[in-house]
Protein backbone atom coordinates (compact mmCIF):
# COMPACT_ATOMS: atom_id res chain seq x y z
CA UNK A 1 -20.02 -19.87 -9.66
CA UNK A 2 -20.61 -18.73 -13.25
CA UNK A 3 -22.82 -15.75 -14.01
CA UNK A 4 -25.27 -16.23 -16.89
CA UNK A 5 -25.32 -13.22 -19.20
CA UNK A 6 -26.89 -12.12 -22.47
CA UNK A 7 -24.86 -10.28 -25.08
CA UNK A 8 -25.92 -7.55 -27.51
CA UNK A 9 -26.28 -10.09 -30.33
CA UNK A 10 -28.80 -12.12 -28.29
CA UNK A 11 -26.40 -14.95 -27.46
CA UNK A 12 -26.07 -16.12 -23.88
CA UNK A 13 -23.00 -17.34 -22.08
CA UNK A 14 -21.27 -17.74 -18.74
CA UNK A 15 -18.82 -15.33 -17.18
CA UNK A 16 -16.31 -16.85 -14.77
CA UNK A 17 -14.00 -13.94 -13.83
CA UNK A 18 -15.28 -12.42 -10.52
CA UNK A 19 -14.23 -8.89 -11.45
CA UNK A 20 -16.10 -9.07 -14.76
CA UNK A 21 -19.09 -10.69 -13.04
CA UNK A 22 -19.33 -7.85 -10.55
CA UNK A 23 -19.16 -5.16 -13.22
CA UNK A 24 -21.93 -6.84 -15.27
CA UNK A 25 -24.06 -7.39 -12.16
CA UNK A 26 -23.74 -3.75 -11.12
CA UNK A 27 -24.45 -2.43 -14.60
CA UNK A 28 -27.52 -4.66 -14.82
CA UNK A 29 -28.65 -3.31 -11.44
CA UNK A 30 -28.24 0.27 -12.66
CA UNK A 31 -30.64 -0.55 -15.54
CA UNK A 32 -33.01 -2.11 -13.01
CA UNK A 33 -32.91 1.13 -11.01
CA UNK A 34 -33.55 3.20 -14.18
CA UNK A 35 -36.57 1.04 -14.98
CA UNK A 36 -37.91 1.56 -11.45
CA UNK A 37 -37.37 5.35 -11.65
CA UNK A 38 -39.08 5.53 -15.05
CA UNK A 39 -42.09 3.63 -13.69
CA UNK A 40 -42.40 5.73 -10.53
CA UNK A 41 -41.63 9.14 -12.02
CA UNK A 42 -43.09 9.44 -15.56
CA UNK A 43 -41.45 12.09 -17.71
CA UNK A 44 -37.98 11.48 -16.30
CA UNK A 45 -35.29 11.49 -19.00
CA UNK A 46 -32.39 9.05 -18.97
CA UNK A 47 -28.73 9.98 -18.90
CA UNK A 48 -26.08 7.32 -18.40
CA UNK A 49 -25.77 4.58 -15.80
CA UNK A 50 -22.37 2.90 -15.54
CA UNK A 51 -20.88 0.52 -13.02
CA UNK A 52 -18.15 2.19 -10.96
CA UNK A 53 -15.46 0.97 -8.56
CA UNK A 54 -17.75 0.71 -5.54
CA UNK A 55 -21.19 0.32 -7.12
CA UNK A 56 -23.10 2.14 -9.84
CA UNK A 57 -25.02 5.32 -10.56
CA UNK A 58 -27.57 6.62 -13.02
CA UNK A 59 -28.10 10.23 -14.13
CA UNK A 60 -31.62 11.54 -14.66
CA UNK A 61 -33.17 14.76 -15.88
CA UNK A 62 -36.44 15.88 -14.33
CA UNK A 63 -37.80 19.22 -13.04
CA UNK A 64 -38.50 18.02 -9.51
CA UNK A 65 -35.74 16.97 -7.14
CA UNK A 66 -35.36 13.43 -5.92
CA UNK A 67 -35.56 13.25 -2.13
CA UNK A 68 -33.66 10.85 0.10
CA UNK A 69 -36.94 9.21 1.06
CA UNK A 70 -37.56 8.44 -2.64
CA UNK A 71 -34.73 5.93 -2.51
CA UNK A 72 -36.78 3.53 -0.40
CA UNK A 73 -39.66 3.71 -2.89
CA UNK A 74 -37.28 3.08 -5.79
CA UNK A 75 -35.74 0.10 -3.99
CA UNK A 76 -39.24 -1.29 -3.40
CA UNK A 77 -40.08 -0.96 -7.09
CA UNK A 78 -36.79 -2.63 -8.01
CA UNK A 79 -37.85 -5.55 -5.81
CA UNK A 80 -41.16 -5.79 -7.71
CA UNK A 81 -39.30 -5.89 -11.04
CA UNK A 82 -36.99 -8.60 -9.69
CA UNK A 83 -39.98 -10.75 -8.71
CA UNK A 84 -41.46 -10.19 -12.18
CA UNK A 85 -38.34 -11.82 -13.70
CA UNK A 86 -38.27 -9.41 -16.63
CA UNK A 87 -35.80 -10.40 -19.37
CA UNK A 88 -33.03 -8.09 -20.56
CA UNK A 89 -33.82 -8.15 -24.31
CA UNK A 90 -31.01 -6.97 -26.63
CA UNK A 91 -31.44 -5.73 -30.18
CA UNK A 92 -29.16 -4.40 -32.91
CA UNK A 93 -30.56 -1.36 -34.71
CA UNK A 94 -29.42 0.91 -37.54
CA UNK A 95 -28.21 4.20 -36.12
CA UNK A 96 -30.89 6.33 -37.80
CA UNK A 97 -33.65 3.98 -36.65
CA UNK A 98 -32.37 4.23 -33.06
CA UNK A 99 -32.31 8.03 -33.29
CA UNK A 100 -35.91 8.09 -34.53
CA UNK A 101 -36.98 5.70 -31.77
CA UNK A 102 -35.43 7.66 -28.90
CA UNK A 103 -36.59 10.99 -30.37
CA UNK A 104 -40.12 9.58 -30.37
CA UNK A 105 -39.75 8.77 -26.66
CA UNK A 106 -38.41 12.24 -25.89
CA UNK A 107 -35.04 10.87 -24.75
CA UNK A 108 -32.93 13.74 -26.10
CA UNK A 109 -29.87 12.83 -24.01
CA UNK A 110 -29.80 9.34 -25.53
CA UNK A 111 -30.21 10.84 -29.01
CA UNK A 112 -27.18 13.04 -28.41
CA UNK A 113 -25.09 10.04 -27.35
CA UNK A 114 -26.21 8.01 -30.37
CA UNK A 115 -25.39 10.82 -32.80
CA UNK A 116 -21.86 10.97 -31.36
CA UNK A 117 -21.37 7.23 -31.77
CA UNK A 118 -19.40 6.07 -34.78
CA UNK A 119 -20.73 3.19 -36.86
CA UNK A 120 -24.02 2.52 -38.59
CA UNK A 121 -25.34 -0.09 -36.16
CA UNK A 122 -25.74 -0.01 -32.39
CA UNK A 123 -27.16 -2.10 -29.58
CA UNK A 124 -30.01 -1.44 -27.17
CA UNK A 125 -31.52 -3.38 -24.28
CA UNK A 126 -35.20 -3.46 -23.31
CA UNK A 127 -36.21 -4.08 -19.73
CA UNK A 128 -39.98 -3.96 -19.41
CA UNK A 129 -40.97 -0.48 -20.59
CA UNK A 130 -37.40 0.81 -20.34
CA UNK A 131 -35.22 0.87 -23.46
CA UNK A 132 -31.62 1.92 -23.07
CA UNK A 133 -28.82 2.47 -25.58
CA UNK A 134 -26.17 0.10 -24.22
CA UNK A 135 -23.50 -2.36 -25.40
CA UNK A 136 -24.09 -4.86 -22.57
CA UNK A 137 -23.75 -7.59 -21.57
CA UNK A 138 -26.35 -7.95 -18.82
CA UNK A 139 -27.71 -10.71 -16.66
CA UNK A 140 -30.40 -12.69 -18.46
CA UNK A 141 -33.33 -11.45 -16.37
CA UNK A 142 -34.14 -9.37 -13.31
CA UNK A 143 -34.76 -12.66 -11.51
CA UNK A 144 -30.97 -13.13 -11.54
CA UNK A 145 -30.60 -10.11 -9.23
CA UNK A 146 -31.15 -10.66 -5.52
CA UNK A 147 -32.72 -7.64 -3.71
CA UNK A 148 -30.56 -8.55 -0.69
CA UNK A 149 -27.45 -7.73 -2.74
CA UNK A 150 -28.13 -4.09 -3.67
CA UNK A 151 -28.73 -0.83 -1.83
CA UNK A 152 -29.44 2.70 -3.05
CA UNK A 153 -27.27 5.13 -1.13
CA UNK A 154 -27.62 8.79 -2.04
CA UNK A 155 -28.82 11.50 -4.40
CA UNK A 156 -26.39 14.09 -5.77
CA UNK A 157 -26.24 16.75 -8.44
CA UNK A 158 -24.26 16.17 -11.63
CA UNK A 159 -23.74 17.69 -15.07
CA UNK A 160 -24.39 16.08 -18.41
CA UNK A 161 -21.11 14.46 -19.55
CA UNK A 162 -19.43 15.89 -16.44
CA UNK A 163 -19.25 19.38 -18.00
CA UNK A 164 -20.39 22.19 -15.70
CA UNK A 165 -21.46 24.19 -18.76
CA UNK A 166 -24.06 21.53 -19.65
CA UNK A 167 -27.46 21.02 -18.09
CA UNK A 168 -27.67 19.95 -14.49
CA UNK A 169 -28.87 16.40 -13.80
CA UNK A 170 -29.63 14.32 -10.71
CA UNK A 171 -27.54 11.30 -9.90
CA UNK A 172 -28.66 8.36 -7.80
CA UNK A 173 -25.80 6.30 -6.38
CA UNK A 174 -26.17 2.67 -5.41
CA UNK A 175 -24.05 -0.34 -4.76
CA UNK A 176 -24.39 -4.04 -5.47
CA UNK A 177 -22.43 -7.18 -4.74
CA UNK A 178 -22.71 -10.75 -5.88
CA UNK A 179 -23.76 -11.92 -2.40
CA UNK A 180 -25.71 -10.43 0.48
CA UNK A 181 -22.78 -11.08 2.82
CA UNK A 182 -20.44 -8.99 0.62
CA UNK A 183 -22.97 -6.17 0.56
CA UNK A 184 -23.32 -6.22 4.34
CA UNK A 185 -19.55 -6.17 4.79
CA UNK A 186 -19.39 -3.15 2.49
CA UNK A 187 -22.16 -1.35 4.39
CA UNK A 188 -20.44 -2.10 7.70
CA UNK A 189 -17.24 -0.63 6.26
CA UNK A 190 -19.13 2.52 5.26
CA UNK A 191 -20.45 2.91 8.83
CA UNK A 192 -16.98 2.44 10.23
CA UNK A 193 -15.60 4.93 7.71
CA UNK A 194 -18.10 7.54 8.97
CA UNK A 195 -16.65 7.19 12.46
CA UNK A 196 -13.17 7.68 11.01
CA UNK A 197 -14.02 10.63 8.75
CA UNK A 198 -10.92 12.83 8.90
CA UNK A 199 -12.99 15.99 8.43
CA UNK A 200 -14.96 15.39 11.63
CA UNK A 201 -11.95 14.12 13.57
CA UNK A 202 -9.83 17.01 12.30
CA UNK A 203 -12.36 19.40 13.80
CA UNK A 204 -12.92 17.45 17.03
CA UNK A 205 -9.19 16.97 17.67
CA UNK A 206 -8.32 20.54 16.58
CA UNK A 207 -5.92 19.38 13.86
CA UNK A 208 -6.88 21.50 10.83
CA UNK A 209 -9.62 23.61 9.32
CA UNK A 210 -10.81 25.01 6.00
CA UNK A 211 -11.91 28.65 5.92
CA UNK A 212 -14.79 29.77 3.73
CA UNK A 213 -13.36 33.27 3.98
CA UNK A 214 -10.05 32.09 2.48
CA UNK A 215 -11.65 29.72 -0.01
CA UNK A 216 -12.32 26.01 -0.47
CA UNK A 217 -9.58 23.43 -0.87
CA UNK A 218 -7.03 25.35 1.21
CA UNK A 219 -5.87 23.77 4.46
CA UNK A 220 -5.11 25.64 7.68
CA UNK A 221 -2.88 23.46 9.83
CA UNK A 222 -3.56 24.05 13.53
CA UNK A 223 -0.78 23.67 16.14
CA UNK A 224 -1.64 20.04 16.91
CA UNK A 225 -1.87 19.08 13.25
CA UNK A 226 1.38 20.90 12.53
CA UNK A 227 3.12 18.89 15.27
CA UNK A 228 2.15 15.68 13.49
CA UNK A 229 3.27 17.13 10.15
CA UNK A 230 6.63 18.08 11.65
CA UNK A 231 7.05 14.53 13.00
CA UNK A 232 6.33 13.11 9.54
CA UNK A 233 8.98 15.33 8.00
CA UNK A 234 11.36 14.70 10.94
CA UNK A 235 11.10 10.97 10.21
CA UNK A 236 11.37 11.22 6.43
CA UNK A 237 14.11 13.84 6.03
CA UNK A 238 17.03 11.93 7.60
CA UNK A 239 15.94 8.78 5.75
CA UNK A 240 16.21 10.61 2.44
CA UNK A 241 19.55 12.17 3.34
CA UNK A 242 20.84 8.75 4.35
CA UNK A 243 19.73 7.36 0.98
CA UNK A 244 21.61 9.97 -1.05
CA UNK A 245 18.95 12.62 -1.65
CA UNK A 246 19.81 16.31 -1.72
CA UNK A 247 17.13 18.76 -0.66
CA UNK A 248 16.35 21.72 -2.87
CA UNK A 249 13.90 24.61 -2.71
CA UNK A 250 12.25 26.08 -5.79
CA UNK A 251 10.14 29.23 -6.34
CA UNK A 252 6.38 29.13 -6.08
CA UNK A 253 5.92 31.18 -9.27
CA UNK A 254 7.63 31.29 -12.66
CA UNK A 255 7.12 32.85 -16.08
CA UNK A 256 4.67 31.04 -18.29
CA UNK A 257 7.55 30.30 -20.70
CA UNK A 258 8.86 27.68 -18.23
CA UNK A 259 5.48 25.93 -18.28
CA UNK A 260 5.28 26.21 -22.06
CA UNK A 261 8.62 24.44 -22.36
CA UNK A 262 7.50 21.71 -19.93
CA UNK A 263 4.21 21.30 -21.81
CA UNK A 264 2.06 21.99 -18.76
CA UNK A 265 0.78 25.26 -20.24
CA UNK A 266 -0.65 23.46 -23.24
CA UNK A 267 -1.94 20.32 -21.52
CA UNK A 268 -2.69 21.46 -17.96
CA UNK A 269 -3.61 25.15 -18.32
CA UNK A 270 -7.17 24.77 -17.01
CA UNK A 271 -5.79 23.50 -13.70
CA UNK A 272 -3.20 26.28 -13.29
CA UNK A 273 -3.44 29.64 -11.54
CA UNK A 274 -1.89 32.52 -13.50
CA UNK A 275 -1.51 36.25 -12.90
CA UNK A 276 0.16 39.30 -14.45
CA UNK A 277 3.32 41.10 -13.31
CA UNK A 278 4.50 44.07 -15.41
CA UNK A 279 2.34 42.89 -18.32
CA UNK A 280 3.96 39.45 -18.22
CA UNK A 281 2.14 36.29 -17.24
CA UNK A 282 3.40 34.23 -14.32
CA UNK A 283 2.10 30.87 -13.11
CA UNK A 284 1.81 29.55 -9.56
CA UNK A 285 3.51 26.18 -9.77
CA UNK A 286 1.24 23.14 -10.11
CA UNK A 287 4.28 20.81 -10.27
CA UNK A 288 7.79 20.78 -8.84
CA UNK A 289 9.51 18.98 -11.72
CA UNK A 290 10.38 22.00 -13.92
CA UNK A 291 12.05 23.65 -10.92
CA UNK A 292 14.19 20.59 -10.27
CA UNK A 293 15.09 20.48 -13.95
CA UNK A 294 16.21 24.11 -13.82
CA UNK A 295 18.59 23.21 -10.98
CA UNK A 296 19.90 20.23 -12.98
CA UNK A 297 20.63 22.29 -16.05
CA UNK A 298 22.10 25.25 -14.17
CA UNK A 299 25.49 23.75 -15.09
CA UNK A 300 26.87 20.96 -17.23
CA UNK A 301 26.72 17.56 -15.52
CA UNK A 302 29.13 14.65 -15.80
CA UNK A 303 28.34 10.96 -15.58
CA UNK A 304 30.33 11.09 -12.35
CA UNK A 305 27.62 13.38 -10.87
CA UNK A 306 24.88 10.86 -11.50
CA UNK A 307 22.59 9.75 -10.08
CA UNK A 308 21.31 13.10 -8.81
CA UNK A 309 18.38 12.80 -6.43
CA UNK A 310 16.65 16.14 -5.79
CA UNK A 311 13.99 16.15 -3.05
CA UNK A 312 11.65 18.94 -1.93
CA UNK A 313 8.65 19.40 0.29
CA UNK A 314 7.18 21.51 -2.48
CA UNK A 315 3.88 23.29 -2.08
CA UNK A 316 1.86 23.43 -5.31
CA UNK A 317 -1.54 24.79 -6.31
CA UNK A 318 -3.98 23.28 -8.77
CA UNK A 319 -7.51 24.24 -9.68
CA UNK A 320 -10.02 21.53 -8.78
CA UNK A 321 -13.75 21.88 -9.25
CA UNK A 322 -15.48 22.62 -5.96
CA UNK A 323 -17.65 19.50 -6.31
CA UNK A 324 -14.66 17.16 -6.06
CA UNK A 325 -12.94 18.83 -3.10
CA UNK A 326 -12.92 16.60 -0.04
CA UNK A 327 -11.29 17.70 3.21
CA UNK A 328 -7.57 16.97 3.06
CA UNK A 329 -7.94 14.20 0.50
CA UNK A 330 -8.71 16.45 -2.48
CA UNK A 331 -7.51 20.05 -2.19
CA UNK A 332 -6.30 22.98 -4.25
CA UNK A 333 -3.09 23.69 -2.34
CA UNK A 334 -0.89 20.90 -1.07
CA UNK A 335 2.71 19.95 -0.31
CA UNK A 336 4.26 17.03 -2.16
CA UNK A 337 7.14 15.00 -0.77
CA UNK A 338 8.48 15.27 -4.26
CA UNK A 339 11.72 13.99 -5.76
CA UNK A 340 13.23 13.65 -9.19
CA UNK A 341 16.10 11.36 -10.02
CA UNK A 342 18.43 12.00 -12.94
CA UNK A 343 20.54 8.97 -13.85
CA UNK A 344 22.04 6.96 -16.69
CA UNK A 345 20.26 4.03 -18.30
CA UNK A 346 22.68 1.68 -16.56
CA UNK A 347 21.74 3.15 -13.18
CA UNK A 348 17.96 3.19 -13.56
CA UNK A 349 17.31 -0.40 -12.43
CA UNK A 350 19.18 0.12 -9.16
CA UNK A 351 17.30 3.37 -8.57
CA UNK A 352 13.93 1.63 -8.99
CA UNK A 353 14.96 -1.09 -6.52
CA UNK A 354 15.96 1.58 -4.02
CA UNK A 355 12.65 3.41 -4.53
CA UNK A 356 10.60 0.27 -3.91
CA UNK A 357 12.59 -0.42 -0.76
CA UNK A 358 12.02 3.15 0.43
CA UNK A 359 8.28 3.06 -0.25
CA UNK A 360 7.73 -0.18 1.65
CA UNK A 361 9.98 0.89 4.55
CA UNK A 362 8.19 4.22 4.99
CA UNK A 363 4.71 2.73 4.81
CA UNK A 364 5.52 -0.04 7.27
CA UNK A 365 6.95 2.58 9.63
CA UNK A 366 3.63 4.43 9.59
CA UNK A 367 1.70 1.26 10.33
CA UNK A 368 0.56 0.19 6.85
CA UNK A 369 1.24 -3.52 6.48
CA UNK A 370 -0.88 -4.29 3.40
CA UNK A 371 -0.77 -2.81 -0.07
CA UNK A 372 -1.51 -3.54 -3.70
CA UNK A 373 0.68 -2.55 -6.62
CA UNK A 374 -0.34 -1.57 -10.14
CA UNK A 375 1.92 -1.31 -13.19
CA UNK A 376 0.49 1.17 -15.69
CA UNK A 377 1.67 0.58 -19.25
CA UNK A 378 0.75 2.02 -22.64
CA UNK A 379 -1.91 0.74 -25.00
CA UNK A 380 0.15 -1.00 -27.68
CA UNK A 381 -2.55 -0.39 -30.27
CA UNK A 382 -2.32 3.40 -29.81
CA UNK A 383 1.38 4.08 -29.74
CA UNK A 384 0.89 7.52 -31.28
CA UNK A 385 -0.54 8.71 -27.93
CA UNK A 386 2.75 8.24 -26.10
CA UNK A 387 6.10 10.00 -26.03
CA UNK A 388 9.35 8.08 -26.33
CA UNK A 389 10.54 5.35 -28.64
CA UNK A 390 9.65 1.68 -28.54
CA UNK A 391 13.13 1.11 -27.11
CA UNK A 392 12.43 3.62 -24.31
CA UNK A 393 9.21 1.86 -23.33
CA UNK A 394 10.74 -1.61 -23.49
CA UNK A 395 13.66 -0.53 -21.31
CA UNK A 396 11.53 1.28 -18.72
CA UNK A 397 8.81 -1.34 -18.43
CA UNK A 398 11.43 -4.09 -18.24
CA UNK A 399 13.24 -2.29 -15.42
CA UNK A 400 10.02 -1.80 -13.45
CA UNK A 401 8.96 -5.42 -13.88
CA UNK A 402 12.36 -6.87 -12.99
CA UNK A 403 12.61 -4.71 -9.88
CA UNK A 404 9.22 -5.90 -8.65
CA UNK A 405 10.12 -9.51 -9.37
CA UNK A 406 13.39 -9.17 -7.49
CA UNK A 407 11.57 -7.73 -4.47
CA UNK A 408 8.88 -10.43 -4.58
CA UNK A 409 6.13 -7.91 -5.22
CA UNK A 410 2.94 -9.02 -6.94
CA UNK A 411 1.29 -6.50 -9.24
CA UNK A 412 -1.65 -5.95 -11.53
CA UNK A 413 -0.90 -4.85 -15.07
CA UNK A 414 -3.03 -1.86 -16.11
CA UNK A 415 -3.11 -1.76 -19.90
CA UNK A 416 -3.47 1.71 -21.36
CA UNK A 417 -3.24 3.41 -17.94
CA UNK A 418 0.28 4.83 -18.37
CA UNK A 419 0.66 8.58 -18.58
CA UNK A 420 1.78 9.74 -22.01
CA UNK A 421 5.36 10.35 -20.89
CA UNK A 422 6.15 6.90 -19.49
CA UNK A 423 5.07 3.81 -17.52
CA UNK A 424 4.66 3.92 -13.75
CA UNK A 425 4.25 1.90 -10.58
CA UNK A 426 1.46 2.94 -8.19
CA UNK A 427 1.38 1.59 -4.64
CA UNK A 428 -2.07 1.57 -3.03
CA UNK A 429 -2.04 1.19 0.74
CA UNK A 430 -4.75 -0.78 2.51
CA UNK A 431 -5.96 0.91 5.68
CA UNK A 432 -7.30 -0.54 8.94
CA UNK A 433 -10.77 -1.17 7.48
CA UNK A 434 -9.62 -2.53 4.13
CA UNK A 435 -9.82 0.57 1.92
CA UNK A 436 -7.13 1.19 -0.73
CA UNK A 437 -5.47 4.62 -0.94
CA UNK A 438 -3.34 5.76 -3.86
CA UNK A 439 -0.27 7.48 -2.40
CA UNK A 440 3.15 6.34 -3.63
CA UNK A 441 4.18 6.44 -7.27
CA UNK A 442 7.31 5.84 -9.37
CA UNK A 443 7.17 7.23 -12.91
CA UNK A 444 9.46 7.24 -15.93
CA UNK A 445 9.56 10.42 -18.00
CA UNK A 446 10.76 10.50 -21.61
CA UNK A 447 9.31 13.93 -22.33
CA UNK A 448 10.87 16.49 -20.01
CA UNK A 449 14.52 15.49 -20.62
CA UNK A 450 13.88 16.05 -24.34
CA UNK A 451 11.83 19.24 -23.91
CA UNK A 452 14.53 20.81 -21.74
CA UNK A 453 17.42 19.25 -23.69
CA UNK A 454 18.96 17.75 -20.54
CA UNK A 455 22.47 16.41 -20.98
CA UNK A 456 25.41 14.92 -19.18
CA UNK A 457 28.90 14.24 -20.45
CA UNK A 458 29.59 10.50 -20.58
CA UNK A 459 32.89 8.65 -20.21
CA UNK A 460 33.25 8.90 -23.99
CA UNK A 461 33.34 12.70 -23.76
CA UNK A 462 30.03 12.98 -25.63
CA UNK A 463 26.74 14.50 -24.50
CA UNK A 464 24.01 12.04 -23.51
CA UNK A 465 20.45 12.44 -22.28
CA UNK A 466 19.77 11.30 -18.71
CA UNK A 467 16.86 9.13 -17.63
CA UNK A 468 14.40 10.98 -15.37
CA UNK A 469 12.28 9.38 -12.65
CA UNK A 470 9.49 11.15 -10.78
CA UNK A 471 8.67 9.75 -7.38
CA UNK A 472 6.50 10.59 -4.38
CA UNK A 473 6.29 8.41 -1.27
CA UNK A 474 3.53 10.08 0.73
CA UNK A 475 1.94 11.61 -2.39
CA UNK A 476 1.07 14.82 -0.63
CA UNK A 477 1.46 15.58 3.05
CA UNK A 478 -2.16 16.75 3.26
CA UNK A 479 -3.60 13.61 1.71
CA UNK A 480 -1.27 11.36 3.69
CA UNK A 481 -2.25 13.10 6.92
CA UNK A 482 -5.95 12.66 6.09
CA UNK A 483 -5.35 8.96 5.41
CA UNK A 484 -3.42 8.62 8.68
CA UNK A 485 -6.31 10.17 10.61
CA UNK A 486 -8.76 7.70 9.11
CA UNK A 487 -6.42 4.71 9.43
CA UNK A 488 -5.94 5.32 13.14
CA UNK A 489 -9.39 6.87 13.74
CA UNK A 490 -7.52 9.89 15.13
CA UNK A 491 -5.69 7.81 17.77
CA UNK A 492 -2.18 8.26 16.39
CA UNK A 493 0.67 6.00 17.48
CA UNK A 494 2.55 7.34 20.50
CA UNK A 495 5.45 8.59 18.36
CA UNK A 496 3.12 10.62 16.12
CA UNK A 497 0.53 11.83 18.67
CA UNK A 498 0.35 15.65 18.77
CA UNK A 499 0.12 15.47 22.57
CA UNK A 500 1.85 12.38 23.94
CA UNK A 501 1.29 13.02 27.65
CA UNK A 502 -1.05 15.27 29.60
CA UNK A 503 -0.41 15.99 33.28
CA UNK A 504 -3.55 16.25 35.42
CA UNK A 505 -3.27 17.71 38.93
CA UNK A 506 -6.01 16.59 41.34
CA UNK A 507 -6.44 20.02 42.93
CA UNK A 508 -4.97 23.50 42.83
CA UNK A 509 -2.35 22.74 45.51
CA UNK A 510 -0.82 20.17 43.13
CA UNK A 511 -0.35 22.65 40.27
CA UNK A 512 3.26 23.41 41.12
CA UNK A 513 4.29 19.74 41.13
CA UNK A 514 2.30 19.14 37.94
CA UNK A 515 4.19 21.96 36.19
CA UNK A 516 7.50 20.43 37.30
CA UNK A 517 6.45 17.11 35.79
CA UNK A 518 5.38 18.78 32.54
CA UNK A 519 8.70 20.62 32.25
CA UNK A 520 10.61 17.40 32.87
CA UNK A 521 8.61 15.72 30.10
CA UNK A 522 9.28 18.55 27.69
CA UNK A 523 12.97 18.62 28.57
CA UNK A 524 13.03 14.90 27.68
CA UNK A 525 11.67 15.81 24.24
CA UNK A 526 8.06 14.75 24.77
CA UNK A 527 5.04 16.67 23.57
CA UNK A 528 3.35 17.27 26.92
CA UNK A 529 0.42 19.33 28.12
CA UNK A 530 -1.03 20.39 31.47
CA UNK A 531 -4.72 20.35 32.30
CA UNK A 532 -4.96 22.60 35.36
CA UNK A 533 -8.54 23.72 34.74
CA UNK A 534 -10.90 23.97 37.66
CA UNK A 535 -12.80 20.83 36.62
CA UNK A 536 -13.43 17.46 38.24
CA UNK A 537 -10.84 14.74 37.72
CA UNK A 538 -13.26 12.44 35.91
CA UNK A 539 -14.11 15.16 33.41
CA UNK A 540 -10.44 15.92 32.67
CA UNK A 541 -9.63 12.25 32.19
CA UNK A 542 -12.59 11.79 29.85
CA UNK A 543 -11.50 14.89 27.94
CA UNK A 544 -7.97 13.50 27.50
CA UNK A 545 -9.47 10.18 26.33
CA UNK A 546 -11.69 12.03 23.85
CA UNK A 547 -8.64 13.90 22.55
CA UNK A 548 -6.95 10.50 22.15
CA UNK A 549 -3.92 11.42 24.26
CA UNK A 550 -1.84 8.24 24.77
CA UNK A 551 -0.82 8.90 28.40
CA UNK A 552 -2.28 10.77 31.37
CA UNK A 553 -0.18 11.40 34.48
CA UNK A 554 -2.37 12.10 37.50
CA UNK A 555 -0.64 13.85 40.43
CA UNK A 556 -1.94 14.43 43.96
CA UNK A 557 -0.59 14.46 47.50
CA UNK A 558 0.95 10.97 47.35
CA UNK A 559 2.68 11.65 44.06
CA UNK A 560 4.00 15.06 45.16
CA UNK A 561 5.41 13.57 48.37
CA UNK A 562 7.01 10.54 46.71
CA UNK A 563 8.13 12.20 43.46
CA UNK A 564 6.15 9.67 41.45
CA UNK A 565 3.20 9.82 39.04
CA UNK A 566 0.00 7.83 38.68
CA UNK A 567 -0.09 6.55 35.10
CA UNK A 568 -3.16 6.08 32.92
CA UNK A 569 -3.15 5.29 29.21
CA UNK A 570 -5.89 5.36 26.62
CA UNK A 571 -5.53 1.63 25.97
CA UNK A 572 -5.78 0.08 29.45
CA UNK A 573 -6.84 2.82 31.86
CA UNK A 574 -5.08 3.07 35.24
CA UNK A 575 -1.74 1.19 35.26
CA UNK A 576 -0.54 2.29 38.71
CA UNK A 577 2.14 4.49 40.26
CA UNK A 578 5.56 4.81 38.63
CA UNK A 579 8.84 6.56 39.17
CA UNK A 580 9.26 9.38 36.62
CA UNK A 581 12.55 7.95 35.38
CA UNK A 582 10.91 4.58 34.73
CA UNK A 583 8.02 6.23 32.95
CA UNK A 584 10.36 8.23 30.71
CA UNK A 585 12.35 5.11 29.80
CA UNK A 586 9.15 3.24 29.00
CA UNK A 587 7.55 5.88 26.77
CA UNK A 588 10.86 6.65 25.06
CA UNK A 589 11.13 2.97 24.13
CA UNK A 590 7.68 3.07 22.54
CA UNK A 591 8.55 6.25 20.65
CA UNK A 592 11.94 5.03 19.42
CA UNK A 593 10.41 1.76 18.17
CA UNK A 594 7.46 3.64 16.59
CA UNK A 595 5.07 1.27 18.37
CA UNK A 596 1.38 1.85 17.72
CA UNK A 597 0.54 1.08 21.36
CA UNK A 598 2.09 -0.48 24.50
């Protein structure tokens, strides 16, 4: 149904588009929260309060800290303001008048924002005693907001304008939806996400750790986590070789001159780690692309050599602020399943088709059936921001669009979201509880071939510049592994499980037979363990379940005498006695088919 809104000029109207409705509703709710905070905590200064992808927030400046228990009070006050049906009253003011007004109220952060704003006139909205510098639109009154559709979630620290050199503020996060049912579904998803948190599961399942001694954002892969990582690479490597990729390995450091040529030194320096050797500056690589380019231009290429597809599991390091680091999902050191394709313009369409096929095949193999695709293109009104000619952009965007059409892929066009060096396709996977994850990307690059003067000799005997495509399927192995943990809640498919089978002897006299079974499993290529601790059977079975081991083979007198095993799995419990040969055939079938479960 339409959402009634009021615009900065005082006119009202109806908004039909659900995405636009939700953004307006959330922004209006953030103003409602700011009004409640101002009423409950006099002297609090206002920062900014935008709608964001999963809700809204508002930044405040005050000497005392907000406490988690304050959120309930603020929600209660928001409910009072809803019942009061206060109107959102817009007004257009001259810039100097607005500055005088907010200075008189002591709102120095708002004054700073207004001074930075171009133009002589600006809009504000009044909500009760709250006045905020804002372009709108908003809902018509607080009565249009249902208290059953919003929830305040947390308090966090922030910096004014996101700059750590500015004053520290306090940020209250909340969320809002157009209906109470949508809010409840979102809250249920949050609770389920807590159970799947890869940081907790990574610790509980002994997969990885982060050492404060070593520093934040650096991942230590434990043996069990490394087994899964090796299986990921074991699956991906032959697929890439089969599809015509050649693996390369590039240095982890290089002179800063390489990064100056690529442009990273000028545009990405604050995210790069540099050090001195013999009074010369070197950089730890934040990207793999310049290394692949160096291999390309190590000799003259012919059109007969193209396309060249260079792939690397390349570990890179980038500086990220400590506040944004998040387990394996946001780190400072990570390994990209990186590749760069050098081809002719005539070949580029076929390469994009092949990349889309590869992305969808890999993701389906890992159990991701749903995804959304975004096409990021340039802002036509600001062409000066982008490298490449109009012909380059038309060719590249046309190739991306045609490839998606030919593969029956639906996409959302993201105006102005292209990187400066070319348009791109981003594939966002949808996990088991409906969350999107940005992993795979296919990007055109008009800049690096020019910067490095890349050439090939065409059939006409003349030098031509190749087209360059960047692509990553998993994104980074760390991030992909973190997403896998959360997608499966740590219970990996049988083919990926770090321990696929654990053998559990009933008593000490069965240890010898249990070791024979374990060795037979390992000889058959299975990742098998032996739990011969002096513990009760029930405890060992529960422990294997907690560690999410797919299969448990219990052995006692009957099994030792008959040469069989008693089979349990984490899905169904006890499934009875089986001959070892039958068991091996069964589990091998599940592994070869990459089945998630029996």
